[in-house]
C-alpha atoms as a PDB file:
ATOM      1  CA  UNK A   1      -1.208   1.709   7.175  1.00  0.00           C
ATOM      2  CA  UNK A   2      -3.408   0.384   9.844  1.00  0.00           C
ATOM      3  CA  UNK A   3      -5.322  -1.952   7.672  1.00  0.00           C
ATOM      4  CA  UNK A   4      -2.131  -3.193   6.014  1.00  0.00           C
ATOM      5  CA  UNK A   5      -0.750  -3.976   9.527  1.00  0.00           C
ATOM      6  CA  UNK A   6      -3.942  -5.808  10.495  1.00  0.00           C
ATOM      7  CA  UNK A   7      -3.754  -7.939   7.351  1.00  0.00           C
ATOM      8  CA  UNK A   8      -0.303  -9.109   8.434  1.00  0.00           C
ATOM      9  CA  UNK A   9      -2.115 -11.172  11.120  1.00  0.00           C
ATOM     10  CA  UNK A  10      -3.655 -13.504   8.556  1.00  0.00           C
ATOM     11  CA  UNK A  11      -0.568 -14.078   6.336  1.00  0.00           C
ATOM     12  CA  UNK A  12       0.020 -17.713   6.604  1.00  0.00           C
ATOM     13  CA  UNK A  13       3.543 -18.170   5.276  1.00  0.00           C
ATOM     14  CA  UNK A  14       5.737 -19.513   7.967  1.00  0.00           C
ATOM     15  CA  UNK A  15       8.855 -18.072   6.586  1.00  0.00           C
ATOM     16  CA  UNK A  16       7.552 -14.620   7.178  1.00  0.00           C
ATOM     17  CA  UNK A  17       8.485 -12.705  10.320  1.00  0.00           C
ATOM     18  CA  UNK A  18       5.026 -11.177  11.079  1.00  0.00           C
ATOM     19  CA  UNK A  19       6.297  -8.764  13.646  1.00  0.00           C
ATOM     20  CA  UNK A  20       8.812  -7.344  11.125  1.00  0.00           C
ATOM     21  CA  UNK A  21       6.220  -7.157   8.447  1.00  0.00           C
ATOM     22  CA  UNK A  22       3.742  -5.393  10.706  1.00  0.00           C
ATOM     23  CA  UNK A  23       6.454  -2.841  11.704  1.00  0.00           C
ATOM     24  CA  UNK A  24       7.459  -2.200   8.099  1.00  0.00           C
ATOM     25  CA  UNK A  25       3.695  -1.689   7.295  1.00  0.00           C
ATOM     26  CA  UNK A  26       3.425   0.768  10.115  1.00  0.00           C
ATOM     27  CA  UNK A  27       6.452   2.885   9.015  1.00  0.00           C
ATOM     28  CA  UNK A  28       6.396   2.620   5.241  1.00  0.00           C
ATOM     29  CA  UNK A  29       4.269   5.829   4.726  1.00  0.00           C
ATOM     30  CA  UNK A  30       5.613   7.803   7.678  1.00  0.00           C
ATOM     31  CA  UNK A  31       7.466  10.393   5.529  1.00  0.00           C
ATOM     32  CA  UNK A  32       4.082  11.230   3.942  1.00  0.00           C
ATOM     33  CA  UNK A  33       2.989  12.848   7.174  1.00  0.00           C
ATOM     34  CA  UNK A  34       5.403  15.745   6.127  1.00  0.00           C
ATOM     35  CA  UNK A  35       5.740  15.483   2.294  1.00  0.00           C
ATOM     36  CA  UNK A  36       2.329  14.134   1.472  1.00  0.00           C
ATOM     37  CA  UNK A  37       1.402  11.345  -0.880  1.00  0.00           C
ATOM     38  CA  UNK A  38       3.578  11.779  -3.828  1.00  0.00           C
ATOM     39  CA  UNK A  39       2.333  10.036  -6.855  1.00  0.00           C
ATOM     40  CA  UNK A  40       3.598   9.476 -10.295  1.00  0.00           C
ATOM     41  CA  UNK A  41       1.263  12.074 -11.455  1.00  0.00           C
ATOM     42  CA  UNK A  42       2.826  14.794  -9.435  1.00  0.00           C
ATOM     43  CA  UNK A  43       5.753  15.319 -11.904  1.00  0.00           C
ATOM     44  CA  UNK A  44       8.415  14.542  -9.197  1.00  0.00           C
ATOM     45  CA  UNK A  45      11.165  12.177 -10.153  1.00  0.00           C
ATOM     46  CA  UNK A  46      11.791   8.992  -8.149  1.00  0.00           C
ATOM     47  CA  UNK A  47      15.148  10.513  -6.924  1.00  0.00           C
ATOM     48  CA  UNK A  48      13.437  13.708  -5.803  1.00  0.00           C
ATOM     49  CA  UNK A  49      10.797  11.735  -4.121  1.00  0.00           C
ATOM     50  CA  UNK A  50      13.376   9.553  -2.304  1.00  0.00           C
ATOM     51  CA  UNK A  51      15.265  12.599  -1.150  1.00  0.00           C
ATOM     52  CA  UNK A  52      12.176  14.387   0.108  1.00  0.00           C
ATOM     53  CA  UNK A  53      10.987  11.279   1.968  1.00  0.00           C
ATOM     54  CA  UNK A  54      14.431  10.469   3.312  1.00  0.00           C
ATOM     55  CA  UNK A  55      14.758  14.115   4.716  1.00  0.00           C
ATOM     56  CA  UNK A  56      11.216  13.832   6.176  1.00  0.00           C
ATOM     57  CA  UNK A  57      12.187  10.555   7.816  1.00  0.00           C
ATOM     58  CA  UNK A  58      15.470  12.098   9.345  1.00  0.00           C
ATOM     59  CA  UNK A  59      13.242  15.080  10.681  1.00  0.00           C
ATOM     60  CA  UNK A  60      10.590  12.806  12.341  1.00  0.00           C
ATOM     61  CA  UNK A  61      13.265  10.539  13.821  1.00  0.00           C
ATOM     62  CA  UNK A  62      15.394  13.399  15.147  1.00  0.00           C
ATOM     63  CA  UNK A  63      12.184  14.471  16.932  1.00  0.00           C
ATOM     64  CA  UNK A  64      11.726  11.095  18.582  1.00  0.00           C
ATOM     65  CA  UNK A  65      14.859  11.782  20.680  1.00  0.00           C
ATOM     66  CA  UNK A  66      15.785   7.965  21.052  1.00  0.00           C
ATOM     67  CA  UNK A  67      18.572   6.738  18.791  1.00  0.00           C
ATOM     68  CA  UNK A  68      17.706   3.111  19.292  1.00  0.00           C
ATOM     69  CA  UNK A  69      13.939   3.505  18.223  1.00  0.00           C
ATOM     70  CA  UNK A  70      14.955   5.870  15.480  1.00  0.00           C
ATOM     71  CA  UNK A  71      17.549   3.408  13.922  1.00  0.00           C
ATOM     72  CA  UNK A  72      14.968   0.623  13.912  1.00  0.00           C
ATOM     73  CA  UNK A  73      12.475   2.813  12.309  1.00  0.00           C
ATOM     74  CA  UNK A  74      14.824   4.125   9.623  1.00  0.00           C
ATOM     75  CA  UNK A  75      16.207   0.590   9.018  1.00  0.00           C
ATOM     76  CA  UNK A  76      12.617  -0.737   8.522  1.00  0.00           C
ATOM     77  CA  UNK A  77      11.752   2.175   6.282  1.00  0.00           C
ATOM     78  CA  UNK A  78      14.874   1.658   4.208  1.00  0.00           C
ATOM     79  CA  UNK A  79      14.208  -2.012   3.841  1.00  0.00           C
ATOM     80  CA  UNK A  80      10.762  -1.220   2.584  1.00  0.00           C
ATOM     81  CA  UNK A  81      12.045   1.342   0.189  1.00  0.00           C
ATOM     82  CA  UNK A  82      14.752  -1.039  -1.137  1.00  0.00           C
ATOM     83  CA  UNK A  83      12.546  -4.111  -1.176  1.00  0.00           C
ATOM     84  CA  UNK A  84      15.376  -6.236   0.248  1.00  0.00           C
ATOM     85  CA  UNK A  85      13.575  -8.785   2.288  1.00  0.00           C
ATOM     86  CA  UNK A  86      10.457 -10.989   1.919  1.00  0.00           C
ATOM     87  CA  UNK A  87       8.706  -8.812   4.498  1.00  0.00           C
ATOM     88  CA  UNK A  88       9.464  -5.619   2.504  1.00  0.00           C
ATOM     89  CA  UNK A  89       8.170  -7.303  -0.707  1.00  0.00           C
ATOM     90  CA  UNK A  90       4.910  -8.470   1.094  1.00  0.00           C
ATOM     91  CA  UNK A  91       4.641  -4.862   2.567  1.00  0.00           C
ATOM     92  CA  UNK A  92       4.804  -3.411  -0.975  1.00  0.00           C
ATOM     93  CA  UNK A  93       1.966  -5.864  -2.162  1.00  0.00           C
ATOM     94  CA  UNK A  94      -0.133  -5.076   0.817  1.00  0.00           C
ATOM     95  CA  UNK A  95       0.218  -1.509   0.067  1.00  0.00           C
ATOM     96  CA  UNK A  96      -1.032  -2.112  -3.502  1.00  0.00           C
ATOM     97  CA  UNK A  97      -3.769  -4.234  -2.199  1.00  0.00           C
ATOM     98  CA  UNK A  98      -4.864  -1.408   0.357  1.00  0.00           C
ATOM     99  CA  UNK A  99      -4.869   0.953  -2.570  1.00  0.00           C
ATOM    100  CA  UNK A 100      -7.288  -1.123  -4.728  1.00  0.00           C
ATOM    101  CA  UNK A 101      -9.390  -1.803  -1.521  1.00  0.00           C
ATOM    102  CA  UNK A 102      -9.677   2.033  -1.114  1.00  0.00           C
ATOM    103  CA  UNK A 103     -10.583   2.506  -4.659  1.00  0.00           C
ATOM    104  CA  UNK A 104     -13.195  -0.153  -4.415  1.00  0.00           C
ATOM    105  CA  UNK A 105     -14.675   1.425  -1.319  1.00  0.00           C
ATOM    106  CA  UNK A 106     -14.696   4.858  -2.998  1.00  0.00           C
ATOM    107  CA  UNK A 107     -16.501   3.387  -6.026  1.00  0.00           C
ATOM    108  CA  UNK A 108     -19.056   1.889  -3.850  1.00  0.00           C
ATOM    109  CA  UNK A 109     -19.693   5.277  -2.202  1.00  0.00           C
ATOM    110  CA  UNK A 110     -19.554   7.001  -5.591  1.00  0.00           C
ATOM    111  CA  UNK A 111     -20.981   4.630  -8.245  1.00  0.00           C
ATOM    112  CA  UNK A 112     -20.564   7.270 -10.992  1.00  0.00           C
ATOM    113  CA  UNK A 113     -16.832   7.224 -10.461  1.00  0.00           C
ATOM    114  CA  UNK A 114     -14.593   4.705 -12.393  1.00  0.00           C
ATOM    115  CA  UNK A 115     -11.198   4.183 -10.772  1.00  0.00           C
ATOM    116  CA  UNK A 116     -10.120   1.399 -13.187  1.00  0.00           C
ATOM    117  CA  UNK A 117      -6.727   2.968 -13.329  1.00  0.00           C
ATOM    118  CA  UNK A 118      -5.913   1.756  -9.978  1.00  0.00           C
ATOM    119  CA  UNK A 119      -6.927  -1.760 -10.732  1.00  0.00           C
ATOM    120  CA  UNK A 120      -5.014  -1.631 -14.033  1.00  0.00           C
ATOM    121  CA  UNK A 121      -1.857  -0.232 -12.491  1.00  0.00           C
ATOM    122  CA  UNK A 122      -1.822  -3.121 -10.050  1.00  0.00           C
ATOM    123  CA  UNK A 123      -2.554  -5.886 -12.450  1.00  0.00           C
ATOM    124  CA  UNK A 124       0.871  -7.365 -12.188  1.00  0.00           C
ATOM    125  CA  UNK A 125       1.696  -6.338  -8.680  1.00  0.00           C
ATOM    126  CA  UNK A 126       0.737  -9.476  -6.643  1.00  0.00           C
ATOM    127  CA  UNK A 127       2.939 -12.594  -6.437  1.00  0.00           C
ATOM    128  CA  UNK A 128       2.159 -13.888  -2.848  1.00  0.00           C
ATOM    129  CA  UNK A 129      -0.541 -16.545  -3.111  1.00  0.00           C
ATOM    130  CA  UNK A 130      -2.750 -15.209  -0.343  1.00  0.00           C
ATOM    131  CA  UNK A 131      -2.450 -11.639  -1.468  1.00  0.00           C
ATOM    132  CA  UNK A 132      -3.114 -12.570  -5.081  1.00  0.00           C
ATOM    133  CA  UNK A 133      -6.111 -14.559  -4.073  1.00  0.00           C
ATOM    134  CA  UNK A 134      -7.452 -11.514  -2.184  1.00  0.00           C
ATOM    135  CA  UNK A 135      -6.755  -9.145  -5.055  1.00  0.00           C
ATOM    136  CA  UNK A 136      -8.435 -11.460  -7.588  1.00  0.00           C
ATOM    137  CA  UNK A 137     -11.416 -11.931  -5.357  1.00  0.00           C
ATOM    138  CA  UNK A 138     -11.654  -8.067  -4.938  1.00  0.00           C
ATOM    139  CA  UNK A 139     -11.472  -7.641  -8.687  1.00  0.00           C
ATOM    140  CA  UNK A 140     -14.143 -10.211  -9.343  1.00  0.00           C
ATOM    141  CA  UNK A 141     -16.425  -8.640  -6.867  1.00  0.00           C
ATOM    142  CA  UNK A 142     -15.816  -5.209  -8.440  1.00  0.00           C
ATOM    143  CA  UNK A 143     -16.370  -6.605 -12.019  1.00  0.00           C
ATOM    144  CA  UNK A 144     -19.776  -7.964 -10.891  1.00  0.00           C
ATOM    145  CA  UNK A 145     -20.757  -4.823  -9.217  1.00  0.00           C
ATOM    146  CA  UNK A 146     -19.784  -2.575 -12.195  1.00  0.00           C
ATOM    147  CA  UNK A 147     -21.560  -5.051 -14.576  1.00  0.00           C
ATOM    148  CA  UNK A 148     -24.766  -4.864 -12.565  1.00  0.00           C
ATOM    149  CA  UNK A 149     -24.453  -0.996 -12.437  1.00  0.00           C
ATOM    150  CA  UNK A 150     -24.101  -0.935 -16.195  1.00  0.00           C
ATOM    151  CA  UNK A 151     -27.082  -3.227 -16.665  1.00  0.00           C
ATOM    152  CA  UNK A 152     -29.182  -0.934 -14.493  1.00  0.00           C
ATOM    153  CA  UNK A 153     -27.983   2.209 -16.412  1.00  0.00           C
ATOM    154  CA  UNK A 154     -28.879   0.442 -19.662  1.00  0.00           C
ATOM    155  CA  UNK A 155     -32.471  -0.195 -18.529  1.00  0.00           C
ATOM    156  CA  UNK A 156     -32.990   3.357 -17.503  1.00  0.00           C
END
């Protein structure tokens, strides 16, 4: 969430409302503070996930006690969930980028791990030129590192 929001500062597309993008990045995973990070491997349907997260959002927003702020947060969250704006679309792409950044960092810390599934699952996720460039650079860096690791293992 935080890294995604920081990345919004360097998005160069003039048609993007960066403040809105940053806010969407900040709220998009808020429901996970209650329901956890539900993945496709958890055996929960998209409809069930949506209901759990929406209920969590309502609980969180009720606790805020400020209707104006709560409405803004819910609107931003729904916009992300529905992908109905350029900012929501970019936030989704940044979320996928963040996922492969984390996978890459984990592989660096644990070279015995192969988290290729994260990279494979995001192969067609990036359409924004800057985000696509960053994702491709990360993939290339990873490929070089993994090739070097395999070469080392082959020499042992």
